[in-house]
Each structure stands twice: as structure tokens, then as C-alpha cells.
Amino acid sequence: MYLLRHNKLSMQNVLLVEDDPEIAKLITYHFSAAQYTLTSSNTGKEALKYIATDDYQLIILDISLPDNNGLELCKTIRLGNANVPVIMLTCHAEESDKVLALELGADDYITKPFGILELMARVKAVMRRSNQAPDILPQEEDISIGDLVIEPSKRKVSLCGKRLDLTVKEFDLLCLLACNPGKIFSRKDLLQQVWGFAFAGYEHTVTSHINRLRLKLEADLNHPKFILTAWGTGYRFAE
């Protein structure tokens, strides 16, 4: 375990979960010269102990850990903290892996080997987006559309009187669309407003979330009545 502590008021608390000692040392060395307080862990079990006892403004998480799958650990982190930014590190470059990481709650995804300057730039970008989260809840009043009721203040969605189990991003996506009935959003628009970025190649995560929302909302997937497709453009919520 590596532990950096600085006595500056502007320091951001960062947790690094990485079992490769060389990569951990490299990241630790460069963070020591920046505005961060960094705690490094090499196992998922140890990382969860740190998360339970301290607050972090960012978590850098390796997908392959000796005692845990980083994707499952990311999912566990999200269940306890919906807002802390998570950057995932992995040796896998397949687009499906990137999409899965984003769907499970990661804010960004970096493939090894990576340049340390790229990592530091990604860290700054993710933390900047976190501090400037888009306003996707433009109203506090409940939204009622037929049997569907959305309560933004409680982050609660009910259909036919039964509460729906939605992830953080599923709720944010639904609320954005429902608050703007009839307005067409491209996948790039939705990435920017819900996830806070619009990187090329990440649009499929929007499609996956839309599909899962439809499974939970629509009685007939062939004839959806809530989330509609604007062919060749994007998606819109029924007026």
C-alpha cells in the first residue's frame, strides 16, 4: 500500500485500486506532484475497507484484481455511492468491455498501456465533469404520464403503482427525456447531458440503457408508448 498525504486545502482525495506494483508506483509518483491526496490499494477487499471509512473524490480502479473482478467492485461502489467518479484501467481494448464498464457506473475507461499524461488529463476531465454535473432534473414536481409516475425529488419511478428498480443513469436518462416530451435527443446529446461527455465510440451505452429502460417500462416492445425512436436521429419521449 502506498499513501500520500499533503497539507494543502485544495487537495482531492483519490483511491487507486491496482495490483501491479510498477503501475501503482508510477501513478503514485506523478500524483505526488499534483493536487491530490492518494491512497493506493492492491485488492478489492482492502479498497472496500478504505471506501467504508473515508470519502473519496475519485476512484481509479483496475478491472483485474487478485481477489475481485473490478467490474463487480465498480457495481458495489455504485450501490453505496452513486456520485463518486470512477475511472477504470484494463488491458482489454474491446468496445464491448468499454460499454460494460460504463453501464456498470464507470465514468471513464483507459486501456493499458497508457501514457501517464493521458491518465492525468482524464483524471482532471472526470473531476471537472463531476464538479459541474449537468442539470438533468429541471423540475421538482412529479411527472405523471398514464400509469407512469416519476418523482424527481425522491428519485423514484412507479408504473401501475409498482416501484421500478432503476440504476442511477437509467433514472437520469428517463427523467431527462420525460421532462422534455417530444424533443429529439441524439445519442451524443444524451451522452453529454446524462454522462457528462460525448466521446466517439461510446454511443452504444446509450442504446443499452434505452433498451433496458424499455424492458422495464413498455408492455409491448414492438410498440413502445413512452420512449420512442426518432429513426436516424435519436430518441424522444411521447408527447
C-alpha atoms as a PDB file:
ATOM      1  CA  MET A   1       0.000   0.000   0.000  1.00  0.00           C
ATOM      2  CA  TYR A   2       1.217   3.494  -0.879  1.00  0.00           C
ATOM      3  CA  LEU A   3      -0.122   6.531   0.918  1.00  0.00           C
ATOM      4  CA  LEU A   4       0.439  10.154   0.000  1.00  0.00           C
ATOM      5  CA  ARG A   5      -0.590  12.953   2.287  1.00  0.00           C
ATOM      6  CA  HIS A   6      -0.256  16.684   1.564  1.00  0.00           C
ATOM      7  CA  ASN A   7      -1.299  19.559   3.803  1.00  0.00           C
ATOM      8  CA  LYS A   8      -2.960  21.741   1.175  1.00  0.00           C
ATOM      9  CA  LEU A   9      -6.582  22.738   1.499  1.00  0.00           C
ATOM     10  CA  SER A  10      -7.205  22.187  -2.219  1.00  0.00           C
ATOM     11  CA  MET A  11      -6.221  18.516  -2.190  1.00  0.00           C
ATOM     12  CA  GLN A  12      -8.621  15.983  -3.675  1.00  0.00           C
ATOM     13  CA  ASN A  13      -8.889  12.567  -2.022  1.00  0.00           C
ATOM     14  CA  VAL A  14      -8.222   9.778  -4.572  1.00  0.00           C
ATOM     15  CA  LEU A  15      -8.259   5.997  -4.146  1.00  0.00           C
ATOM     16  CA  LEU A  16      -6.154   3.877  -6.518  1.00  0.00           C
ATOM     17  CA  VAL A  17      -7.023   0.160  -6.716  1.00  0.00           C
ATOM     18  CA  GLU A  18      -4.236  -1.510  -8.711  1.00  0.00           C
ATOM     19  CA  ASP A  19      -2.408  -4.796  -8.065  1.00  0.00           C
ATOM     20  CA  ASP A  20       0.501  -4.172 -10.454  1.00  0.00           C
ATOM     21  CA  PRO A  21       3.212  -2.649  -8.198  1.00  0.00           C
ATOM     22  CA  GLU A  22       5.026  -0.912 -11.056  1.00  0.00           C
ATOM     23  CA  ILE A  23       1.890   0.809 -12.322  1.00  0.00           C
ATOM     24  CA  ALA A  24       0.927   1.729  -8.761  1.00  0.00           C
ATOM     25  CA  LYS A  25       4.352   3.266  -8.140  1.00  0.00           C
ATOM     26  CA  LEU A  26       4.216   5.201 -11.403  1.00  0.00           C
ATOM     27  CA  ILE A  27       0.791   6.664 -10.663  1.00  0.00           C
ATOM     28  CA  THR A  28       1.732   7.377  -7.053  1.00  0.00           C
ATOM     29  CA  TYR A  29       4.888   9.223  -8.141  1.00  0.00           C
ATOM     30  CA  HIS A  30       3.034  11.530 -10.519  1.00  0.00           C
ATOM     31  CA  PHE A  31       0.161  12.177  -8.143  1.00  0.00           C
ATOM     32  CA  SER A  32       2.700  13.247  -5.512  1.00  0.00           C
ATOM     33  CA  ALA A  33       3.461  16.324  -7.608  1.00  0.00           C
ATOM     34  CA  ALA A  34      -0.195  17.216  -8.199  1.00  0.00           C
ATOM     35  CA  GLN A  35      -3.073  18.491  -6.088  1.00  0.00           C
ATOM     36  CA  TYR A  36      -4.167  15.108  -4.793  1.00  0.00           C
ATOM     37  CA  THR A  37      -4.116  13.016  -1.652  1.00  0.00           C
ATOM     38  CA  LEU A  38      -3.709   9.445  -2.932  1.00  0.00           C
ATOM     39  CA  THR A  39      -4.342   6.158  -1.152  1.00  0.00           C
ATOM     40  CA  SER A  40      -3.300   3.003  -3.031  1.00  0.00           C
ATOM     41  CA  SER A  41      -4.741  -0.479  -2.513  1.00  0.00           C
ATOM     42  CA  ASN A  42      -3.865  -3.715  -4.332  1.00  0.00           C
ATOM     43  CA  THR A  43      -7.015  -5.730  -3.515  1.00  0.00           C
ATOM     44  CA  GLY A  44     -10.751  -5.201  -3.753  1.00  0.00           C
ATOM     45  CA  LYS A  45     -11.274  -6.220  -0.119  1.00  0.00           C
ATOM     46  CA  GLU A  46      -8.836  -3.614   1.124  1.00  0.00           C
ATOM     47  CA  ALA A  47     -10.339  -0.988  -1.191  1.00  0.00           C
ATOM     48  CA  LEU A  48     -13.825  -1.557   0.241  1.00  0.00           C
ATOM     49  CA  LYS A  49     -12.442  -1.015   3.755  1.00  0.00           C
ATOM     50  CA  TYR A  50     -10.982   2.326   2.685  1.00  0.00           C
ATOM     51  CA  ILE A  51     -14.229   3.337   0.995  1.00  0.00           C
ATOM     52  CA  ALA A  52     -16.193   2.498   4.150  1.00  0.00           C
ATOM     53  CA  THR A  53     -14.008   4.701   6.343  1.00  0.00           C
ATOM     54  CA  ASP A  54     -13.110   7.663   4.115  1.00  0.00           C
ATOM     55  CA  ASP A  55     -14.607   9.914   1.451  1.00  0.00           C
ATOM     56  CA  TYR A  56     -13.040   9.996  -1.994  1.00  0.00           C
ATOM     57  CA  GLN A  57     -13.478  12.463  -4.822  1.00  0.00           C
ATOM     58  CA  LEU A  58     -12.212   9.912  -7.369  1.00  0.00           C
ATOM     59  CA  ILE A  59     -11.552   6.159  -7.599  1.00  0.00           C
ATOM     60  CA  ILE A  60      -9.110   4.720 -10.166  1.00  0.00           C
ATOM     61  CA  LEU A  61      -9.944   1.037 -10.460  1.00  0.00           C
ATOM     62  CA  ASP A  62      -8.179  -1.812 -12.264  1.00  0.00           C
ATOM     63  CA  ILE A  63     -10.549  -4.366 -13.789  1.00  0.00           C
ATOM     64  CA  SER A  64      -8.295  -7.378 -12.979  1.00  0.00           C
ATOM     65  CA  LEU A  65      -7.665  -7.774  -9.243  1.00  0.00           C
ATOM     66  CA  PRO A  66      -6.350 -10.838  -7.386  1.00  0.00           C
ATOM     67  CA  ASP A  67      -9.428 -11.197  -5.176  1.00  0.00           C
ATOM     68  CA  ASN A  68     -12.171  -9.431  -7.073  1.00  0.00           C
ATOM     69  CA  ASN A  69     -13.452  -8.508 -10.512  1.00  0.00           C
ATOM     70  CA  GLY A  70     -13.078  -4.768 -10.979  1.00  0.00           C
ATOM     71  CA  LEU A  71     -16.410  -4.534 -12.796  1.00  0.00           C
ATOM     72  CA  GLU A  72     -18.219  -6.154  -9.880  1.00  0.00           C
ATOM     73  CA  LEU A  73     -16.332  -3.895  -7.482  1.00  0.00           C
ATOM     74  CA  CYS A  74     -17.443  -0.876  -9.518  1.00  0.00           C
ATOM     75  CA  LYS A  75     -21.033  -2.094  -9.261  1.00  0.00           C
ATOM     76  CA  THR A  76     -20.662  -2.479  -5.479  1.00  0.00           C
ATOM     77  CA  ILE A  77     -19.191   1.015  -5.195  1.00  0.00           C
ATOM     78  CA  ARG A  78     -22.115   2.436  -7.149  1.00  0.00           C
ATOM     79  CA  LEU A  79     -24.650   0.806  -4.820  1.00  0.00           C
ATOM     80  CA  GLY A  80     -23.137   2.720  -1.906  1.00  0.00           C
ATOM     81  CA  ASN A  81     -22.150   5.939  -3.683  1.00  0.00           C
ATOM     82  CA  ALA A  82     -23.885   6.999  -6.854  1.00  0.00           C
ATOM     83  CA  ASN A  83     -21.793  10.105  -7.427  1.00  0.00           C
ATOM     84  CA  VAL A  84     -18.087   9.406  -6.835  1.00  0.00           C
ATOM     85  CA  PRO A  85     -16.298   9.404 -10.232  1.00  0.00           C
ATOM     86  CA  VAL A  86     -14.711   6.092 -11.246  1.00  0.00           C
ATOM     87  CA  ILE A  87     -12.004   5.615 -13.896  1.00  0.00           C
ATOM     88  CA  MET A  88     -11.345   2.015 -14.899  1.00  0.00           C
ATOM     89  CA  LEU A  89      -7.976   0.637 -16.020  1.00  0.00           C
ATOM     90  CA  THR A  90      -7.788  -2.508 -18.150  1.00  0.00           C
ATOM     91  CA  CYS A  91      -5.704  -4.473 -20.626  1.00  0.00           C
ATOM     92  CA  HIS A  92      -8.794  -5.142 -22.756  1.00  0.00           C
ATOM     93  CA  ALA A  93      -9.460  -2.780 -25.650  1.00  0.00           C
ATOM     94  CA  GLU A  94     -12.708  -4.295 -26.964  1.00  0.00           C
ATOM     95  CA  GLU A  95     -15.582  -1.842 -27.319  1.00  0.00           C
ATOM     96  CA  SER A  96     -17.924  -4.273 -25.511  1.00  0.00           C
ATOM     97  CA  ASP A  97     -15.705  -4.042 -22.403  1.00  0.00           C
ATOM     98  CA  LYS A  98     -15.809  -0.253 -22.505  1.00  0.00           C
ATOM     99  CA  VAL A  99     -19.584  -0.238 -22.844  1.00  0.00           C
ATOM    100  CA  LEU A 100     -19.988  -2.733 -19.981  1.00  0.00           C
ATOM    101  CA  ALA A 101     -17.754  -0.632 -17.717  1.00  0.00           C
ATOM    102  CA  LEU A 102     -19.810   2.475 -18.466  1.00  0.00           C
ATOM    103  CA  GLU A 103     -23.072   0.616 -17.945  1.00  0.00           C
ATOM    104  CA  LEU A 104     -21.921  -0.554 -14.514  1.00  0.00           C
ATOM    105  CA  GLY A 105     -21.218   3.026 -13.486  1.00  0.00           C
ATOM    106  CA  ALA A 106     -17.680   3.888 -14.601  1.00  0.00           C
ATOM    107  CA  ASP A 107     -17.176   7.476 -15.744  1.00  0.00           C
ATOM    108  CA  ASP A 108     -14.211   6.739 -17.998  1.00  0.00           C
ATOM    109  CA  TYR A 109     -12.131   3.812 -19.270  1.00  0.00           C
ATOM    110  CA  ILE A 110      -8.402   3.720 -20.041  1.00  0.00           C
ATOM    111  CA  THR A 111      -6.665   0.836 -21.813  1.00  0.00           C
ATOM    112  CA  LYS A 112      -3.200  -0.337 -20.741  1.00  0.00           C
ATOM    113  CA  PRO A 113      -0.535   0.523 -21.615  1.00  0.00           C
ATOM    114  CA  PHE A 114      -1.373   4.200 -21.235  1.00  0.00           C
ATOM    115  CA  GLY A 115       0.653   7.393 -21.007  1.00  0.00           C
ATOM    116  CA  ILE A 116       0.737   8.988 -17.580  1.00  0.00           C
ATOM    117  CA  LEU A 117      -0.053  12.386 -19.113  1.00  0.00           C
ATOM    118  CA  GLU A 118      -3.181  10.902 -20.681  1.00  0.00           C
ATOM    119  CA  LEU A 119      -4.227   9.475 -17.311  1.00  0.00           C
ATOM    120  CA  MET A 120      -3.692  12.799 -15.554  1.00  0.00           C
ATOM    121  CA  ALA A 121      -5.685  14.593 -18.266  1.00  0.00           C
ATOM    122  CA  ARG A 122      -8.530  12.068 -17.942  1.00  0.00           C
ATOM    123  CA  VAL A 123      -8.486  12.500 -14.143  1.00  0.00           C
ATOM    124  CA  LYS A 124      -8.790  16.268 -14.461  1.00  0.00           C
ATOM    125  CA  ALA A 125     -11.577  15.951 -17.033  1.00  0.00           C
ATOM    126  CA  VAL A 126     -13.597  13.465 -14.972  1.00  0.00           C
ATOM    127  CA  MET A 127     -13.268  15.508 -11.795  1.00  0.00           C
ATOM    128  CA  ARG A 128     -14.189  18.676 -13.659  1.00  0.00           C
ATOM    129  CA  ARG A 129     -17.316  17.000 -15.027  1.00  0.00           C
ATOM    130  CA  SER A 130     -18.148  15.755 -11.537  1.00  0.00           C
ATOM    131  CA  ASN A 131     -17.918  19.270 -10.135  1.00  0.00           C
ATOM    132  CA  GLN A 132     -20.001  20.631 -12.985  1.00  0.00           C
ATOM    133  CA  ALA A 133     -22.676  17.939 -13.200  1.00  0.00           C
ATOM    134  CA  PRO A 134     -25.307  18.712 -15.835  1.00  0.00           C
ATOM    135  CA  ASP A 135     -28.712  19.778 -14.616  1.00  0.00           C
ATOM    136  CA  ILE A 136     -30.871  16.923 -15.809  1.00  0.00           C
ATOM    137  CA  LEU A 137     -33.635  17.417 -13.234  1.00  0.00           C
ATOM    138  CA  PRO A 138     -35.186  20.734 -14.352  1.00  0.00           C
ATOM    139  CA  GLN A 139     -38.216  20.376 -12.111  1.00  0.00           C
ATOM    140  CA  GLU A 140     -39.135  19.086  -8.683  1.00  0.00           C
ATOM    141  CA  GLU A 141     -42.800  18.396  -9.462  1.00  0.00           C
ATOM    142  CA  ASP A 142     -43.876  14.830 -10.062  1.00  0.00           C
ATOM    143  CA  ILE A 143     -44.314  13.782 -13.686  1.00  0.00           C
ATOM    144  CA  SER A 144     -47.365  11.642 -14.493  1.00  0.00           C
ATOM    145  CA  ILE A 145     -47.842  10.022 -17.894  1.00  0.00           C
ATOM    146  CA  GLY A 146     -50.655   7.490 -17.808  1.00  0.00           C
ATOM    147  CA  ASP A 147     -49.675   4.806 -15.304  1.00  0.00           C
ATOM    148  CA  LEU A 148     -46.087   6.078 -15.129  1.00  0.00           C
ATOM    149  CA  VAL A 149     -45.156   8.410 -12.251  1.00  0.00           C
ATOM    150  CA  ILE A 150     -41.701   9.976 -11.888  1.00  0.00           C
ATOM    151  CA  GLU A 151     -40.805  11.714  -8.610  1.00  0.00           C
ATOM    152  CA  PRO A 152     -37.554  13.655  -9.207  1.00  0.00           C
ATOM    153  CA  SER A 153     -37.184  14.812  -5.597  1.00  0.00           C
ATOM    154  CA  LYS A 154     -37.257  11.173  -4.389  1.00  0.00           C
ATOM    155  CA  ARG A 155     -35.551   9.717  -7.479  1.00  0.00           C
ATOM    156  CA  LYS A 156     -38.469   7.305  -7.615  1.00  0.00           C
ATOM    157  CA  VAL A 157     -40.326   5.833 -10.599  1.00  0.00           C
ATOM    158  CA  SER A 158     -43.578   3.856 -10.385  1.00  0.00           C
ATOM    159  CA  LEU A 159     -45.546   2.037 -13.060  1.00  0.00           C
ATOM    160  CA  CYS A 160     -49.101   0.896 -12.332  1.00  0.00           C
ATOM    161  CA  GLY A 161     -48.435   1.608  -8.660  1.00  0.00           C
ATOM    162  CA  LYS A 162     -45.322  -0.600  -8.531  1.00  0.00           C
ATOM    163  CA  ARG A 163     -41.919   0.951  -7.941  1.00  0.00           C
ATOM    164  CA  LEU A 164     -39.354   0.291 -10.664  1.00  0.00           C
ATOM    165  CA  ASP A 165     -35.785  -0.660  -9.824  1.00  0.00           C
ATOM    166  CA  LEU A 166     -33.688   1.732 -11.931  1.00  0.00           C
ATOM    167  CA  THR A 167     -29.966   2.383 -11.880  1.00  0.00           C
ATOM    168  CA  VAL A 168     -28.681   5.936 -11.387  1.00  0.00           C
ATOM    169  CA  LYS A 169     -28.114   6.501 -15.104  1.00  0.00           C
ATOM    170  CA  GLU A 170     -31.393   4.832 -16.088  1.00  0.00           C
ATOM    171  CA  PHE A 171     -33.262   7.231 -13.814  1.00  0.00           C
ATOM    172  CA  ASP A 172     -31.326  10.266 -15.074  1.00  0.00           C
ATOM    173  CA  LEU A 173     -31.917   9.254 -18.693  1.00  0.00           C
ATOM    174  CA  LEU A 174     -35.637   8.670 -18.175  1.00  0.00           C
ATOM    175  CA  CYS A 175     -36.069  11.913 -16.268  1.00  0.00           C
ATOM    176  CA  LEU A 176     -34.300  13.957 -18.941  1.00  0.00           C
ATOM    177  CA  LEU A 177     -36.478  12.502 -21.700  1.00  0.00           C
ATOM    178  CA  ALA A 178     -39.733  12.743 -19.710  1.00  0.00           C
ATOM    179  CA  CYS A 179     -39.047  16.369 -18.765  1.00  0.00           C
ATOM    180  CA  ASN A 180     -38.771  17.215 -22.460  1.00  0.00           C
ATOM    181  CA  PRO A 181     -41.657  15.359 -24.159  1.00  0.00           C
ATOM    182  CA  GLY A 182     -41.428  15.378 -27.940  1.00  0.00           C
ATOM    183  CA  LYS A 183     -37.881  16.739 -28.014  1.00  0.00           C
ATOM    184  CA  ILE A 184     -35.486  14.581 -30.014  1.00  0.00           C
ATOM    185  CA  PHE A 185     -32.121  13.815 -28.394  1.00  0.00           C
ATOM    186  CA  SER A 186     -29.292  12.236 -30.349  1.00  0.00           C
ATOM    187  CA  ARG A 187     -27.182   9.620 -28.601  1.00  0.00           C
ATOM    188  CA  LYS A 188     -24.372  12.176 -28.475  1.00  0.00           C
ATOM    189  CA  ASP A 189     -26.734  14.664 -26.789  1.00  0.00           C
ATOM    190  CA  LEU A 190     -27.719  12.070 -24.192  1.00  0.00           C
ATOM    191  CA  LEU A 191     -24.094  11.115 -23.519  1.00  0.00           C
ATOM    192  CA  GLN A 192     -23.247  14.770 -22.968  1.00  0.00           C
ATOM    193  CA  GLN A 193     -26.209  15.586 -20.727  1.00  0.00           C
ATOM    194  CA  VAL A 194     -26.507  12.364 -18.703  1.00  0.00           C
ATOM    195  CA  TRP A 195     -22.929  11.063 -18.614  1.00  0.00           C
ATOM    196  CA  GLY A 196     -21.204  14.431 -18.968  1.00  0.00           C
ATOM    197  CA  PHE A 197     -19.137  13.589 -22.063  1.00  0.00           C
ATOM    198  CA  ALA A 198     -19.602  12.763 -25.728  1.00  0.00           C
ATOM    199  CA  PHE A 199     -16.645  10.621 -26.784  1.00  0.00           C
ATOM    200  CA  ALA A 200     -16.935   8.892 -30.134  1.00  0.00           C
ATOM    201  CA  GLY A 201     -17.462   5.155 -29.787  1.00  0.00           C
ATOM    202  CA  TYR A 202     -19.376   5.350 -26.506  1.00  0.00           C
ATOM    203  CA  GLU A 203     -22.840   5.913 -28.007  1.00  0.00           C
ATOM    204  CA  HIS A 204     -23.745   2.217 -27.643  1.00  0.00           C
ATOM    205  CA  THR A 205     -24.014   2.646 -23.879  1.00  0.00           C
ATOM    206  CA  VAL A 206     -26.977   4.977 -24.521  1.00  0.00           C
ATOM    207  CA  THR A 207     -28.652   2.344 -26.688  1.00  0.00           C
ATOM    208  CA  SER A 208     -28.125  -0.297 -23.987  1.00  0.00           C
ATOM    209  CA  HIS A 209     -29.685   1.940 -21.332  1.00  0.00           C
ATOM    210  CA  ILE A 210     -32.639   2.774 -23.593  1.00  0.00           C
ATOM    211  CA  ASN A 211     -33.209  -0.937 -24.235  1.00  0.00           C
ATOM    212  CA  ARG A 212     -33.141  -1.745 -20.517  1.00  0.00           C
ATOM    213  CA  LEU A 213     -35.498   1.127 -19.738  1.00  0.00           C
ATOM    214  CA  ARG A 214     -37.935  -0.150 -22.346  1.00  0.00           C
ATOM    215  CA  LEU A 215     -37.818  -3.629 -20.843  1.00  0.00           C
ATOM    216  CA  LYS A 216     -38.883  -2.128 -17.517  1.00  0.00           C
ATOM    217  CA  LEU A 217     -41.411   0.387 -18.893  1.00  0.00           C
ATOM    218  CA  GLU A 218     -43.048  -0.983 -22.005  1.00  0.00           C
ATOM    219  CA  ALA A 219     -45.770  -3.605 -22.140  1.00  0.00           C
ATOM    220  CA  ASP A 220     -45.149  -4.122 -25.874  1.00  0.00           C
ATOM    221  CA  LEU A 221     -41.560  -3.617 -27.028  1.00  0.00           C
ATOM    222  CA  ASN A 222     -42.674  -3.626 -30.660  1.00  0.00           C
ATOM    223  CA  HIS A 223     -44.982  -0.685 -29.974  1.00  0.00           C
ATOM    224  CA  PRO A 224     -43.424   1.397 -27.172  1.00  0.00           C
ATOM    225  CA  LYS A 225     -45.610   4.168 -25.791  1.00  0.00           C
ATOM    226  CA  PHE A 226     -43.112   6.027 -23.612  1.00  0.00           C
ATOM    227  CA  ILE A 227     -39.622   6.115 -25.159  1.00  0.00           C
ATOM    228  CA  LEU A 228     -39.830   6.427 -28.933  1.00  0.00           C
ATOM    229  CA  THR A 229     -37.153   6.140 -31.599  1.00  0.00           C
ATOM    230  CA  ALA A 230     -36.606   9.022 -33.994  1.00  0.00           C
ATOM    231  CA  TRP A 231     -35.172   6.981 -36.849  1.00  0.00           C
ATOM    232  CA  GLY A 232     -31.752   8.149 -37.969  1.00  0.00           C
ATOM    233  CA  THR A 233     -31.710  10.839 -35.291  1.00  0.00           C
ATOM    234  CA  GLY A 234     -32.101   9.574 -31.735  1.00  0.00           C
ATOM    235  CA  TYR A 235     -34.846   9.225 -29.137  1.00  0.00           C
ATOM    236  CA  ARG A 236     -37.763  11.220 -27.784  1.00  0.00           C
ATOM    237  CA  PHE A 237     -40.354  10.838 -25.056  1.00  0.00           C
ATOM    238  CA  ALA A 238     -44.005  10.561 -26.099  1.00  0.00           C
ATOM    239  CA  GLU A 239     -45.919  13.854 -26.034  1.00  0.00           C
END
